[in-house]
Amino acid sequence: MNLLSIGGSDPSAGAGIQSDIKTFSTFNVYGLTVITAITGQNTSNFGMVEPVSKKILENQLESIMKDFKIDGIKIGMLYNSEIIKTIHQYLKKLEIPIVVDPVIKSTTGGMLIEKSAIVDFKKLIIPLATIITPNKFEAEILTKSKINFKNTPEKIAKMIQKMGAKNVVITGIETGDKKISDFVLEKNKKYFLVDEKISKINRGSGNIHSAAALYAIVKNRSIKEALEFAKKITLDSIKNSQKVGKGIPITNIIKEDKIKNELLISINEFTKIKNIFQNIPECQTNFVYCRQKPKSIQDVLGISGRIVKAGKEVVIAGNLEYGGSKHVATALLVVNKKYIKIKSAINLKYKEETISKIKKSQLTTYDYDRNLEPKNVKKNGSTIEWGIKNAIKNAKKPPDIIFHKGDIGKEPMIIVFGETPDAVVKKILKII
């Protein structure tokens, strides 16, 4: 996945394109940049702004677009009308997700857009937005209206939506009960995302929120799911903010969360697959993802409970924890020992129609017969390890799928493997 950040450079890396690159890297995607302005700032003070020339801006855009397939774009700081018009010209025909973060003022006090350019921003940039993510202050600037009892968040969001944005989220609305809300206006629905207020001044939370939202949208999550994901990541980054300079702490995403973030997104994608409840076995489903060079199931992230059937829906019963899975994790460990790139797996219900689709696909498939399982293996409880080892002992290629037809009192099973949880979901979509 290639995500492009268009915005200003912040030498302190608390905001701007530097913050976006850090966020994208956390999600294990490739971050590209187009710099619109150079700023001089740190965690305490704001110095100068110098916009780039139209010539170098166009050269950056052309260089990136000729060489890379861009999956999504985040637009941040656009300092003047010339920059705004140039960006609009290059992006107006693109049909990919665009998240607009209307950067107006730095946390340290500097203005990041000329007042005269706001009209062009509203006319040319807001209509590009799949999602626009102003905070309360930015929403009030864009609409020239204060959010209050009369001018509700919904009213203000509708004003921004009428400017052309498909979806609007106004962040950071305090409710006075130690809660903080984001108001979301989609095309046909509206709602609040509410959480506990964190009393911490920080830099970079807006950047992380919009970058995380873009990532989730490109991963095919719904608007609500993307914004819920972005809010969680942002709140965690505020809690983990670090005082790296002499001034305001900078938000920080814990690196280890990358594995959890990837698996969580793929679990949510899995649960949204049409009629997926029909593919949940009687023992239920677990979805796992391991660290590099795992030594035991404690290095494998899984659901402490299971993904379970609830009527015609599936729900996640339990939390993501290292060591949360035993059986699927064990299967993954055996495969990973031989094929180190295989780091994720999920178990599905054995169905003849699924096996038929698997055989017609170009996926690499192996199987084993549990009737051949030695008695000492059954006695020692190492059935899965024996089965997977048996299935791949003569394998020349890493498995996409391993299955068995069960035994007396033992449910037949299909296990799908992949390098990442996302790869596992894509394989599932080919066989169900």
Protein backbone atom coordinates (compact mmCIF):
# COMPACT_ATOMS: atom_id res chain seq x y z
CA MET A 1 0.00 0.00 0.00
CA ASN A 2 1.30 3.47 -0.94
CA LEU A 3 -0.14 6.48 0.88
CA LEU A 4 0.72 10.06 -0.08
CA SER A 5 0.97 12.90 2.41
CA ILE A 6 0.68 16.40 0.96
CA GLY A 7 1.56 19.07 3.51
CA GLY A 8 4.10 21.15 5.34
CA SER A 9 7.43 20.09 6.79
CA ASP A 10 7.79 20.26 10.58
CA PRO A 11 11.46 19.93 11.63
CA SER A 12 10.44 18.80 15.12
CA ALA A 13 8.48 15.89 13.56
CA GLY A 14 5.57 16.57 15.91
CA ALA A 15 3.22 17.32 13.03
CA GLY A 16 3.35 17.78 9.27
CA ILE A 17 4.57 15.22 6.79
CA GLN A 18 7.10 13.85 9.29
CA SER A 19 4.29 12.84 11.62
CA ASP A 20 2.40 11.24 8.73
CA ILE A 21 5.42 9.20 7.67
CA LYS A 22 5.84 7.92 11.24
CA THR A 23 2.16 6.97 11.37
CA PHE A 24 2.18 5.25 7.98
CA SER A 25 5.30 3.31 8.96
CA THR A 26 3.56 2.10 12.11
CA PHE A 27 0.88 0.56 9.89
CA ASN A 28 3.55 -1.07 7.71
CA VAL A 29 2.67 0.88 4.57
CA TYR A 30 4.87 2.96 2.27
CA GLY A 31 4.60 6.69 2.80
CA LEU A 32 5.16 9.20 0.00
CA THR A 33 5.35 12.96 0.45
CA VAL A 34 4.80 16.20 -1.42
CA ILE A 35 6.02 19.20 0.58
CA THR A 36 3.97 22.39 0.23
CA ALA A 37 5.83 24.58 2.74
CA ILE A 38 8.85 24.62 5.03
CA THR A 39 8.26 25.69 8.60
CA GLY A 40 10.66 26.57 11.38
CA GLN A 41 9.16 25.34 14.65
CA ASN A 42 9.82 23.18 17.66
CA THR A 43 7.87 21.99 20.71
CA SER A 44 7.88 25.49 22.24
CA ASN A 45 7.83 28.09 19.49
CA PHE A 46 6.73 28.75 15.94
CA GLY A 47 9.20 30.57 13.71
CA MET A 48 8.83 31.04 9.97
CA VAL A 49 6.81 29.66 7.07
CA GLU A 50 8.15 29.56 3.56
CA PRO A 51 5.87 28.08 0.89
CA VAL A 52 7.51 26.15 -1.92
CA SER A 53 7.38 27.50 -5.47
CA LYS A 54 4.75 26.32 -7.92
CA LYS A 55 7.54 24.88 -10.05
CA ILE A 56 8.93 22.53 -7.41
CA LEU A 57 5.44 21.65 -6.17
CA GLU A 58 4.42 20.53 -9.67
CA ASN A 59 7.69 18.65 -10.08
CA GLN A 60 7.08 16.73 -6.84
CA LEU A 61 3.53 15.84 -7.87
CA GLU A 62 4.57 14.72 -11.36
CA SER A 63 7.49 12.68 -10.03
CA ILE A 64 5.31 10.80 -7.56
CA MET A 65 2.35 10.21 -9.85
CA LYS A 66 4.45 8.93 -12.77
CA ASP A 67 6.31 6.37 -10.67
CA PHE A 68 3.91 5.10 -8.00
CA LYS A 69 0.46 3.60 -7.71
CA ILE A 70 -1.08 5.78 -5.01
CA ASP A 71 -3.78 4.11 -2.94
CA GLY A 72 -4.83 7.11 -0.85
CA ILE A 73 -3.93 10.74 -0.17
CA LYS A 74 -3.91 12.87 2.95
CA ILE A 75 -3.93 16.64 2.47
CA GLY A 76 -2.60 18.77 5.30
CA MET A 77 -1.02 22.23 5.23
CA LEU A 78 -1.74 24.27 2.08
CA TYR A 79 -0.38 27.74 2.79
CA ASN A 80 -1.61 29.92 -0.07
CA SER A 81 -3.98 30.05 -3.03
CA GLU A 82 -1.33 29.17 -5.60
CA ILE A 83 -0.56 25.94 -3.77
CA ILE A 84 -4.26 25.18 -3.34
CA LYS A 85 -4.98 25.68 -7.05
CA THR A 86 -2.02 23.53 -8.07
CA ILE A 87 -3.01 20.67 -5.75
CA HIS A 88 -6.60 20.83 -7.00
CA GLN A 89 -5.47 20.67 -10.61
CA TYR A 90 -3.49 17.47 -10.03
CA LEU A 91 -5.99 15.68 -7.80
CA LYS A 92 -9.40 16.64 -9.16
CA LYS A 93 -9.74 13.62 -11.48
CA LEU A 94 -8.39 10.99 -9.10
CA GLU A 95 -10.78 8.31 -7.86
CA ILE A 96 -9.02 7.24 -4.69
CA PRO A 97 -9.73 8.02 -1.01
CA ILE A 98 -8.64 11.52 0.04
CA VAL A 99 -8.65 12.66 3.66
CA VAL A 100 -8.44 16.41 4.17
CA ASP A 101 -7.06 17.66 7.48
CA PRO A 102 -7.69 21.43 7.35
CA VAL A 103 -4.52 22.70 9.01
CA ILE A 104 -5.07 26.33 10.02
CA LYS A 105 -3.00 26.99 13.14
CA SER A 106 -0.06 25.25 14.79
CA THR A 107 -0.30 24.10 18.42
CA THR A 108 2.62 26.44 19.07
CA GLY A 109 0.74 29.41 17.65
CA GLY A 110 1.74 29.88 13.99
CA MET A 111 -0.79 30.42 11.21
CA LEU A 112 -0.45 27.67 8.61
CA ILE A 113 -2.69 29.14 5.91
CA GLU A 114 -3.06 32.69 4.65
CA LYS A 115 -6.48 34.12 5.52
CA SER A 116 -7.00 35.09 1.89
CA ALA A 117 -6.52 31.45 0.84
CA ILE A 118 -9.33 30.02 2.97
CA VAL A 119 -11.93 30.88 0.30
CA ASP A 120 -10.01 28.86 -2.32
CA PHE A 121 -9.47 26.05 0.20
CA LYS A 122 -13.25 25.78 0.69
CA LYS A 123 -13.95 25.98 -3.04
CA LEU A 124 -11.22 23.68 -4.39
CA ILE A 125 -9.95 21.34 -1.66
CA ILE A 126 -12.96 20.48 0.47
CA PRO A 127 -14.85 18.98 -2.55
CA LEU A 128 -11.96 16.51 -2.96
CA ALA A 129 -12.51 15.06 0.51
CA THR A 130 -13.72 11.54 1.09
CA ILE A 131 -13.46 12.58 4.73
CA ILE A 132 -12.63 16.01 6.15
CA THR A 133 -11.39 16.06 9.75
CA PRO A 134 -11.51 19.57 11.24
CA ASN A 135 -11.29 20.05 14.98
CA LYS A 136 -13.80 22.35 16.63
CA PHE A 137 -11.67 25.46 16.06
CA GLU A 138 -11.04 24.63 12.38
CA ALA A 139 -14.72 23.87 11.75
CA GLU A 140 -15.65 27.26 13.19
CA ILE A 141 -13.10 29.02 10.97
CA LEU A 142 -14.32 27.26 7.84
CA THR A 143 -17.98 28.05 8.52
CA LYS A 144 -17.48 31.43 10.26
CA SER A 145 -19.81 30.13 12.96
CA LYS A 146 -19.26 29.25 16.60
CA ILE A 147 -20.43 25.82 17.73
CA ASN A 148 -22.98 26.43 20.48
CA PHE A 149 -26.54 25.61 21.49
CA LYS A 150 -27.90 27.29 18.38
CA ASN A 151 -25.20 26.25 15.94
CA THR A 152 -25.00 22.56 16.82
CA PRO A 153 -22.18 20.30 15.59
CA GLU A 154 -24.68 18.82 13.15
CA LYS A 155 -25.53 22.21 11.71
CA ILE A 156 -21.86 23.13 11.33
CA ALA A 157 -21.04 19.74 9.78
CA LYS A 158 -23.87 20.17 7.26
CA MET A 159 -22.42 23.53 6.27
CA ILE A 160 -19.06 21.88 5.58
CA GLN A 161 -20.71 19.00 3.73
CA LYS A 162 -22.48 21.50 1.49
CA MET A 163 -19.02 22.76 0.52
CA GLY A 164 -18.49 19.37 -1.15
CA ALA A 165 -16.99 16.95 1.37
CA LYS A 166 -18.59 13.49 1.26
CA ASN A 167 -18.14 12.83 4.97
CA VAL A 168 -17.40 15.24 7.84
CA VAL A 169 -16.01 14.56 11.30
CA ILE A 170 -15.63 17.43 13.77
CA THR A 171 -13.22 16.32 16.46
CA GLY A 172 -12.63 17.46 20.01
CA ILE A 173 -16.10 18.59 21.08
CA GLU A 174 -16.17 18.75 24.88
CA THR A 175 -19.44 17.81 26.55
CA GLY A 176 -18.66 19.02 30.09
CA ASP A 177 -18.91 15.59 31.72
CA LYS A 178 -15.26 14.58 31.29
CA LYS A 179 -16.15 13.24 27.86
CA ILE A 180 -14.92 14.33 24.47
CA SER A 181 -16.86 13.67 21.28
CA ASP A 182 -16.33 13.55 17.56
CA PHE A 183 -19.45 14.36 15.54
CA VAL A 184 -19.70 12.44 12.27
CA LEU A 185 -21.93 13.32 9.34
CA GLU A 186 -22.07 10.80 6.53
CA LYS A 187 -24.34 11.00 3.49
CA ASN A 188 -27.32 9.33 5.15
CA LYS A 189 -26.46 9.11 8.84
CA LYS A 190 -25.04 11.04 11.74
CA TYR A 191 -23.61 10.01 15.11
CA PHE A 192 -21.19 10.87 17.90
CA LEU A 193 -18.06 8.93 18.78
CA VAL A 194 -17.63 9.50 22.51
CA ASP A 195 -14.68 8.76 24.78
CA GLU A 196 -13.06 9.88 28.02
CA LYS A 197 -11.31 13.22 27.85
CA ILE A 198 -7.54 13.03 28.28
CA SER A 199 -6.27 16.17 30.02
CA LYS A 200 -2.99 16.37 28.14
CA ILE A 201 -1.75 19.12 25.86
CA ASN A 202 0.09 17.52 22.96
CA ARG A 203 1.30 17.98 19.40
CA GLY A 204 0.39 15.77 16.48
CA SER A 205 -2.91 14.20 17.48
CA GLY A 206 -4.73 15.69 14.48
CA ASN A 207 -2.08 14.35 12.12
CA ILE A 208 -2.29 10.85 13.56
CA HIS A 209 -6.09 10.88 13.47
CA SER A 210 -6.34 11.83 9.79
CA ALA A 211 -3.49 9.54 8.72
CA ALA A 212 -5.02 6.58 10.59
CA ALA A 213 -8.45 7.32 9.07
CA LEU A 214 -6.94 7.30 5.57
CA TYR A 215 -5.19 4.00 6.21
CA ALA A 216 -8.39 2.36 7.45
CA ILE A 217 -10.47 3.67 4.53
CA VAL A 218 -7.94 2.34 2.02
CA LYS A 219 -8.19 -1.00 3.86
CA ASN A 220 -11.89 -1.00 2.86
CA ARG A 221 -13.34 -0.23 6.25
CA SER A 222 -16.59 1.71 6.49
CA ILE A 223 -16.49 5.39 7.43
CA LYS A 224 -17.61 4.61 10.98
CA GLU A 225 -15.11 1.78 11.40
CA ALA A 226 -12.31 3.95 10.02
CA LEU A 227 -13.09 6.80 12.38
CA GLU A 228 -13.47 4.48 15.37
CA PHE A 229 -10.09 3.00 14.53
CA ALA A 230 -8.52 6.46 14.06
CA LYS A 231 -9.97 7.70 17.36
CA LYS A 232 -8.59 4.72 19.27
CA ILE A 233 -5.13 5.09 17.73
CA THR A 234 -5.17 8.83 18.45
CA LEU A 235 -6.24 8.46 22.08
CA ASP A 236 -3.56 5.84 22.64
CA SER A 237 -0.96 8.11 21.05
CA ILE A 238 -1.96 10.96 23.39
CA LYS A 239 -1.71 8.69 26.42
CA ASN A 240 1.75 7.65 25.24
CA SER A 241 2.92 11.17 24.29
CA GLN A 242 6.57 11.91 25.00
CA LYS A 243 8.32 15.08 26.12
CA VAL A 244 11.19 14.88 23.64
CA GLY A 245 11.84 18.62 23.54
CA LYS A 246 11.61 21.41 26.07
CA GLY A 247 7.99 22.25 25.30
CA ILE A 248 4.74 20.46 24.44
CA PRO A 249 4.87 16.62 24.45
CA ILE A 250 4.61 14.90 21.06
CA THR A 251 2.08 12.14 20.46
CA ASN A 252 3.52 8.68 20.09
CA ILE A 253 2.18 5.43 18.66
CA ILE A 254 3.65 2.42 20.41
CA LYS A 255 5.50 0.40 17.78
CA GLU A 256 4.32 -2.94 19.08
CA ASP A 257 0.77 -1.87 18.28
CA LYS A 258 1.51 -2.40 14.58
CA ILE A 259 0.80 -6.12 14.82
CA LYS A 260 -2.37 -5.50 16.82
CA ASN A 261 -3.53 -2.78 14.43
CA GLU A 262 -3.08 -4.97 11.36
CA LEU A 263 -4.79 -7.96 12.93
CA LEU A 264 -7.65 -5.89 14.34
CA ILE A 265 -8.41 -4.37 10.94
CA SER A 266 -8.37 -7.77 9.25
CA ILE A 267 -10.57 -9.31 11.95
CA ASN A 268 -13.11 -6.56 11.35
CA GLU A 269 -12.89 -7.12 7.59
CA PHE A 270 -13.44 -10.85 8.15
CA THR A 271 -16.53 -10.30 10.29
CA LYS A 272 -18.08 -8.12 7.56
CA ILE A 273 -17.79 -10.75 4.82
CA LYS A 274 -21.27 -11.67 3.57
CA ASN A 275 -22.64 -14.84 5.22
CA ILE A 276 -19.35 -15.50 6.95
CA PHE A 277 -21.28 -17.06 9.84
CA GLN A 278 -21.71 -20.11 7.61
CA ASN A 279 -17.94 -20.66 7.72
CA ILE A 280 -17.49 -20.63 11.50
CA PRO A 281 -16.82 -24.18 12.81
CA GLU A 282 -18.39 -25.68 15.91
CA CYS A 283 -15.18 -25.00 17.86
CA GLN A 284 -15.45 -21.38 16.64
CA THR A 285 -12.70 -19.36 14.88
CA ASN A 286 -9.46 -17.72 15.86
CA PHE A 287 -7.35 -15.35 13.77
CA VAL A 288 -3.66 -15.06 14.64
CA TYR A 289 -0.58 -13.03 13.69
CA CYS A 290 2.92 -13.62 15.02
CA ARG A 291 6.02 -11.58 15.72
CA GLN A 292 9.23 -12.11 13.77
CA LYS A 293 10.91 -15.42 14.66
CA PRO A 294 8.26 -16.63 17.13
CA LYS A 295 9.44 -19.20 19.67
CA SER A 296 6.14 -20.08 21.35
CA ILE A 297 2.44 -19.23 21.31
CA GLN A 298 3.34 -16.29 23.58
CA ASP A 299 4.79 -14.67 20.44
CA VAL A 300 1.52 -15.18 18.55
CA LEU A 301 -1.25 -12.60 18.84
CA GLY A 302 -4.75 -14.08 18.89
CA ILE A 303 -8.20 -13.65 20.39
CA SER A 304 -8.40 -14.74 24.01
CA GLY A 305 -11.91 -16.01 23.30
CA ARG A 306 -13.02 -16.68 19.73
CA ILE A 307 -14.85 -15.24 16.75
CA VAL A 308 -18.26 -16.80 17.38
CA LYS A 309 -21.59 -17.18 15.59
CA ALA A 310 -24.48 -15.07 16.85
CA GLY A 311 -27.40 -15.93 14.64
CA LYS A 312 -26.47 -14.77 11.15
CA GLU A 313 -23.76 -12.48 12.47
CA VAL A 314 -20.35 -13.13 13.99
CA VAL A 315 -18.94 -11.35 17.02
CA ILE A 316 -15.52 -11.09 18.61
CA ALA A 317 -15.68 -12.68 22.06
CA GLY A 318 -12.49 -11.76 23.87
CA ASN A 319 -9.48 -9.49 23.55
CA LEU A 320 -6.38 -9.56 21.36
CA GLU A 321 -3.60 -11.04 23.47
CA TYR A 322 -0.26 -12.68 22.89
CA GLY A 323 -0.84 -16.32 23.76
CA GLY A 324 -4.58 -15.81 23.23
CA SER A 325 -4.78 -18.74 20.81
CA LYS A 326 -3.50 -22.28 21.28
CA HIS A 327 -4.58 -24.45 18.35
CA VAL A 328 -4.38 -22.01 15.42
CA ALA A 329 -1.25 -20.46 16.93
CA THR A 330 0.38 -23.91 17.12
CA ALA A 331 -0.44 -24.54 13.45
CA LEU A 332 1.10 -21.20 12.51
CA LEU A 333 4.26 -21.85 14.53
CA VAL A 334 4.87 -25.12 12.70
CA VAL A 335 4.44 -23.51 9.27
CA ASN A 336 6.48 -20.43 10.23
CA LYS A 337 9.39 -22.62 11.31
CA LYS A 338 9.72 -23.88 7.73
CA TYR A 339 8.43 -20.78 5.92
CA ILE A 340 9.39 -17.69 7.94
CA LYS A 341 7.33 -15.30 5.82
CA ILE A 342 4.06 -17.00 6.83
CA LYS A 343 2.97 -15.08 9.93
CA SER A 344 -0.83 -15.21 10.00
CA ALA A 345 -3.56 -17.87 10.00
CA ILE A 346 -7.26 -18.48 10.59
CA ASN A 347 -9.39 -21.62 10.94
CA LEU A 348 -12.63 -22.11 9.01
CA LYS A 349 -15.41 -24.67 8.90
CA TYR A 350 -14.75 -27.68 6.65
CA LYS A 351 -17.28 -27.66 3.81
CA GLU A 352 -17.15 -29.74 0.64
CA GLU A 353 -18.18 -26.73 -1.45
CA THR A 354 -15.27 -24.77 0.03
CA ILE A 355 -12.85 -27.60 -0.74
CA SER A 356 -14.20 -27.65 -4.30
CA LYS A 357 -13.47 -23.92 -4.69
CA ILE A 358 -10.03 -24.40 -3.15
CA LYS A 359 -9.18 -27.09 -5.69
CA LYS A 360 -10.29 -24.82 -8.54
CA SER A 361 -8.21 -21.93 -7.21
CA GLN A 362 -4.48 -21.54 -7.73
CA LEU A 363 -3.83 -21.61 -4.00
CA THR A 364 -1.20 -24.00 -2.69
CA THR A 365 -3.06 -26.62 -0.65
CA TYR A 366 -2.00 -29.54 1.53
CA ASP A 367 -3.94 -31.94 3.72
CA TYR A 368 -3.41 -34.70 6.27
CA ASP A 369 -5.35 -37.69 7.53
CA ARG A 370 -6.09 -37.70 11.25
CA ASN A 371 -6.87 -41.43 11.07
CA LEU A 372 -3.14 -41.99 10.60
CA GLU A 373 -2.28 -40.12 13.77
CA PRO A 374 -0.07 -42.24 16.11
CA LYS A 375 -1.57 -43.15 19.48
CA ASN A 376 1.26 -41.50 21.39
CA VAL A 377 0.53 -38.21 19.58
CA LYS A 378 -3.14 -38.33 20.61
CA LYS A 379 -2.12 -39.17 24.16
CA ASN A 380 0.36 -36.28 24.36
CA GLY A 381 -2.12 -33.80 22.90
CA SER A 382 0.16 -32.75 20.03
CA THR A 383 -2.30 -33.56 17.26
CA ILE A 384 -2.10 -30.20 15.50
CA GLU A 385 1.68 -30.08 15.49
CA TRP A 386 1.84 -33.63 14.11
CA GLY A 387 -0.81 -32.91 11.47
CA ILE A 388 0.71 -29.72 10.12
CA LYS A 389 4.22 -31.18 10.08
CA ASN A 390 2.88 -34.22 8.25
CA ALA A 391 1.06 -32.04 5.70
CA ILE A 392 4.09 -29.94 4.74
CA LYS A 393 6.96 -32.38 5.24
CA ASN A 394 7.47 -32.77 1.48
CA ALA A 395 6.15 -29.34 0.53
CA LYS A 396 8.08 -27.33 -2.02
CA LYS A 397 6.00 -24.19 -1.63
CA PRO A 398 4.55 -22.46 1.46
CA PRO A 399 0.92 -23.43 2.12
CA ASP A 400 -2.02 -21.17 1.48
CA ILE A 401 -4.37 -23.77 2.94
CA ILE A 402 -4.08 -26.95 5.01
CA PHE A 403 -7.14 -29.07 5.80
CA HIS A 404 -8.14 -32.38 7.33
CA LYS A 405 -11.41 -34.36 7.29
CA GLY A 406 -11.54 -34.98 11.02
CA ASP A 407 -11.65 -38.17 13.07
CA ILE A 408 -13.97 -39.79 15.62
CA GLY A 409 -15.09 -36.97 17.88
CA LYS A 410 -12.80 -34.53 16.05
CA GLU A 411 -14.21 -31.78 13.82
CA PRO A 412 -12.76 -31.47 10.30
CA MET A 413 -11.05 -28.13 9.67
CA ILE A 414 -9.62 -25.74 7.11
CA ILE A 415 -6.75 -23.41 8.05
CA VAL A 416 -5.82 -20.50 5.79
CA PHE A 417 -2.27 -19.11 6.02
CA GLY A 418 -0.67 -15.89 4.77
CA GLU A 419 2.21 -13.48 5.20
CA THR A 420 -0.15 -10.94 6.78
CA PRO A 421 -3.73 -10.94 8.11
CA ASP A 422 -4.76 -8.90 5.08
CA ALA A 423 -3.35 -11.59 2.77
CA VAL A 424 -5.33 -14.22 4.71
CA VAL A 425 -8.60 -12.29 4.22
CA LYS A 426 -7.93 -11.97 0.48
CA LYS A 427 -7.46 -15.73 0.23
CA ILE A 428 -10.69 -16.34 2.17
CA LEU A 429 -12.59 -14.21 -0.35
CA LYS A 430 -11.37 -16.52 -3.13
CA ILE A 431 -12.71 -19.72 -1.55
CA ILE A 432 -16.05 -18.93 0.09
